Amino acid sequence: MLHSKIKTIRHRVGKNHYLIIQIFQSASAKAFSGNVLASNAVNVKIYKSAKRK
């Protein structure tokens, strides 16, 4: 993984709240001999935070 940038935006339409996650990634792999795999996969976990009083 060379570079990873995550941008989150909260958006509201009426009573509905939406969370938009934009993920920008780049990966590269090099080898002198053999096979190389450059994966651009991502795991996202979303947790609901406790409401502040």
N, C-alpha and C. Protein backbone atom coordinates (compact mmCIF):
# COMPACT_ATOMS: atom_id res chain seq x y z
N MET A 1 0.85 -1.17 0.00
CA MET A 1 0.00 0.00 0.00
C MET A 1 0.90 1.23 0.00
N LEU A 2 0.78 2.03 -1.01
CA LEU A 2 1.58 3.24 -1.10
C LEU A 2 0.91 4.43 -0.46
N HIS A 3 -0.37 4.59 -0.76
CA HIS A 3 -1.06 5.81 -0.32
C HIS A 3 -2.51 5.48 0.00
N SER A 4 -3.01 6.07 1.06
CA SER A 4 -4.40 5.85 1.46
C SER A 4 -4.96 7.16 2.00
N LYS A 5 -6.10 7.58 1.49
CA LYS A 5 -6.75 8.80 1.95
C LYS A 5 -8.23 8.51 2.11
N ILE A 6 -8.78 8.87 3.26
CA ILE A 6 -10.19 8.62 3.56
C ILE A 6 -10.88 9.95 3.82
N LYS A 7 -12.02 10.14 3.18
CA LYS A 7 -12.79 11.36 3.32
C LYS A 7 -14.21 10.97 3.73
N THR A 8 -14.70 11.51 4.83
CA THR A 8 -16.06 11.20 5.29
C THR A 8 -16.90 12.47 5.26
N ILE A 9 -18.14 12.30 4.83
CA ILE A 9 -19.08 13.41 4.73
C ILE A 9 -20.39 12.98 5.36
N ARG A 10 -20.93 13.81 6.23
CA ARG A 10 -22.26 13.56 6.79
C ARG A 10 -23.26 14.40 6.03
N HIS A 11 -24.33 13.76 5.61
CA HIS A 11 -25.32 14.42 4.76
C HIS A 11 -26.71 14.14 5.33
N ARG A 12 -27.57 15.12 5.31
CA ARG A 12 -28.92 14.96 5.86
C ARG A 12 -29.95 15.32 4.81
N VAL A 13 -30.91 14.43 4.63
CA VAL A 13 -32.04 14.68 3.74
C VAL A 13 -33.30 14.42 4.56
N GLY A 14 -33.99 15.48 4.92
CA GLY A 14 -35.17 15.34 5.77
C GLY A 14 -34.77 14.84 7.14
N LYS A 15 -35.38 13.73 7.58
CA LYS A 15 -35.02 13.13 8.86
C LYS A 15 -33.93 12.07 8.73
N ASN A 16 -33.55 11.75 7.50
CA ASN A 16 -32.56 10.70 7.27
C ASN A 16 -31.15 11.29 7.27
N HIS A 17 -30.24 10.60 7.98
CA HIS A 17 -28.84 10.99 8.04
C HIS A 17 -28.03 9.96 7.27
N TYR A 18 -27.12 10.43 6.41
CA TYR A 18 -26.29 9.56 5.61
C TYR A 18 -24.83 9.85 5.88
N LEU A 19 -24.03 8.80 5.91
CA LEU A 19 -22.59 8.91 6.06
C LEU A 19 -21.95 8.43 4.77
N ILE A 20 -21.25 9.32 4.09
CA ILE A 20 -20.61 9.00 2.82
C ILE A 20 -19.12 8.85 3.08
N ILE A 21 -18.56 7.70 2.69
CA ILE A 21 -17.14 7.42 2.89
C ILE A 21 -16.49 7.29 1.52
N GLN A 22 -15.51 8.15 1.25
CA GLN A 22 -14.75 8.07 0.02
C GLN A 22 -13.34 7.61 0.37
N ILE A 23 -12.90 6.52 -0.27
CA ILE A 23 -11.59 5.94 0.01
C ILE A 23 -10.76 6.00 -1.26
N PHE A 24 -9.60 6.62 -1.16
CA PHE A 24 -8.67 6.72 -2.29
C PHE A 24 -7.42 5.94 -1.91
N GLN A 25 -7.07 4.92 -2.72
CA GLN A 25 -5.93 4.07 -2.41
C GLN A 25 -5.11 3.82 -3.66
N SER A 26 -3.85 3.56 -3.45
CA SER A 26 -2.99 3.11 -4.54
C SER A 26 -2.02 2.08 -3.99
N ALA A 27 -1.75 1.05 -4.78
CA ALA A 27 -0.84 -0.02 -4.38
C ALA A 27 0.00 -0.43 -5.57
N SER A 28 1.22 -0.86 -5.29
CA SER A 28 2.09 -1.35 -6.35
C SER A 28 2.95 -2.47 -5.79
N ALA A 29 3.46 -3.30 -6.69
CA ALA A 29 4.31 -4.42 -6.29
C ALA A 29 5.35 -4.66 -7.37
N LYS A 30 6.56 -5.04 -6.92
CA LYS A 30 7.66 -5.32 -7.85
C LYS A 30 8.40 -6.57 -7.40
N ALA A 31 8.95 -7.28 -8.35
CA ALA A 31 9.76 -8.46 -8.04
C ALA A 31 10.74 -8.70 -9.18
N PHE A 32 11.91 -9.17 -8.83
CA PHE A 32 12.89 -9.52 -9.87
C PHE A 32 12.53 -10.86 -10.51
N SER A 33 11.99 -11.77 -9.70
CA SER A 33 11.56 -13.06 -10.24
C SER A 33 10.40 -13.56 -9.41
N GLY A 34 9.46 -14.25 -10.06
CA GLY A 34 8.31 -14.80 -9.36
C GLY A 34 7.08 -13.96 -9.57
N ASN A 35 6.02 -14.30 -8.84
CA ASN A 35 4.73 -13.62 -8.97
C ASN A 35 4.55 -12.60 -7.86
N VAL A 36 3.89 -11.52 -8.20
CA VAL A 36 3.64 -10.45 -7.23
C VAL A 36 2.17 -10.04 -7.35
N LEU A 37 1.54 -9.80 -6.21
CA LEU A 37 0.14 -9.38 -6.18
C LEU A 37 0.04 -8.04 -5.45
N ALA A 38 -0.51 -7.04 -6.12
CA ALA A 38 -0.75 -5.74 -5.49
C ALA A 38 -2.25 -5.64 -5.22
N SER A 39 -2.62 -5.67 -3.96
CA SER A 39 -4.03 -5.66 -3.58
C SER A 39 -4.47 -4.25 -3.23
N ASN A 40 -5.64 -3.89 -3.70
CA ASN A 40 -6.20 -2.57 -3.42
C ASN A 40 -7.47 -2.73 -2.59
N ALA A 41 -7.54 -3.80 -1.80
CA ALA A 41 -8.73 -4.09 -1.00
C ALA A 41 -8.74 -3.24 0.27
N VAL A 42 -9.93 -3.07 0.82
CA VAL A 42 -10.07 -2.26 2.04
C VAL A 42 -11.14 -2.89 2.93
N ASN A 43 -10.93 -2.80 4.24
CA ASN A 43 -11.92 -3.24 5.22
C ASN A 43 -12.45 -2.00 5.93
N VAL A 44 -13.77 -1.87 6.00
CA VAL A 44 -14.39 -0.71 6.63
C VAL A 44 -15.28 -1.18 7.76
N LYS A 45 -15.08 -0.63 8.94
CA LYS A 45 -15.94 -0.90 10.08
C LYS A 45 -16.55 0.42 10.53
N ILE A 46 -17.87 0.42 10.70
CA ILE A 46 -18.58 1.63 11.12
C ILE A 46 -19.18 1.37 12.49
N TYR A 47 -18.81 2.21 13.45
CA TYR A 47 -19.35 2.10 14.80
C TYR A 47 -20.21 3.33 15.08
N LYS A 48 -21.32 3.11 15.76
CA LYS A 48 -22.16 4.22 16.15
C LYS A 48 -21.67 4.74 17.49
N SER A 49 -21.30 6.00 17.52
CA SER A 49 -20.75 6.58 18.75
C SER A 49 -21.89 6.92 19.71
N ALA A 50 -21.55 6.94 20.98
CA ALA A 50 -22.53 7.27 22.01
C ALA A 50 -22.91 8.74 21.92
N LYS A 51 -24.15 9.02 22.19
CA LYS A 51 -24.62 10.41 22.13
C LYS A 51 -24.08 11.19 23.31
N ARG A 52 -23.63 12.39 23.02
CA ARG A 52 -23.06 13.25 24.07
C ARG A 52 -24.17 13.99 24.79
N LYS A 53 -23.98 14.15 26.08
CA LYS A 53 -24.99 14.85 26.88
C LYS A 53 -24.66 16.31 27.01
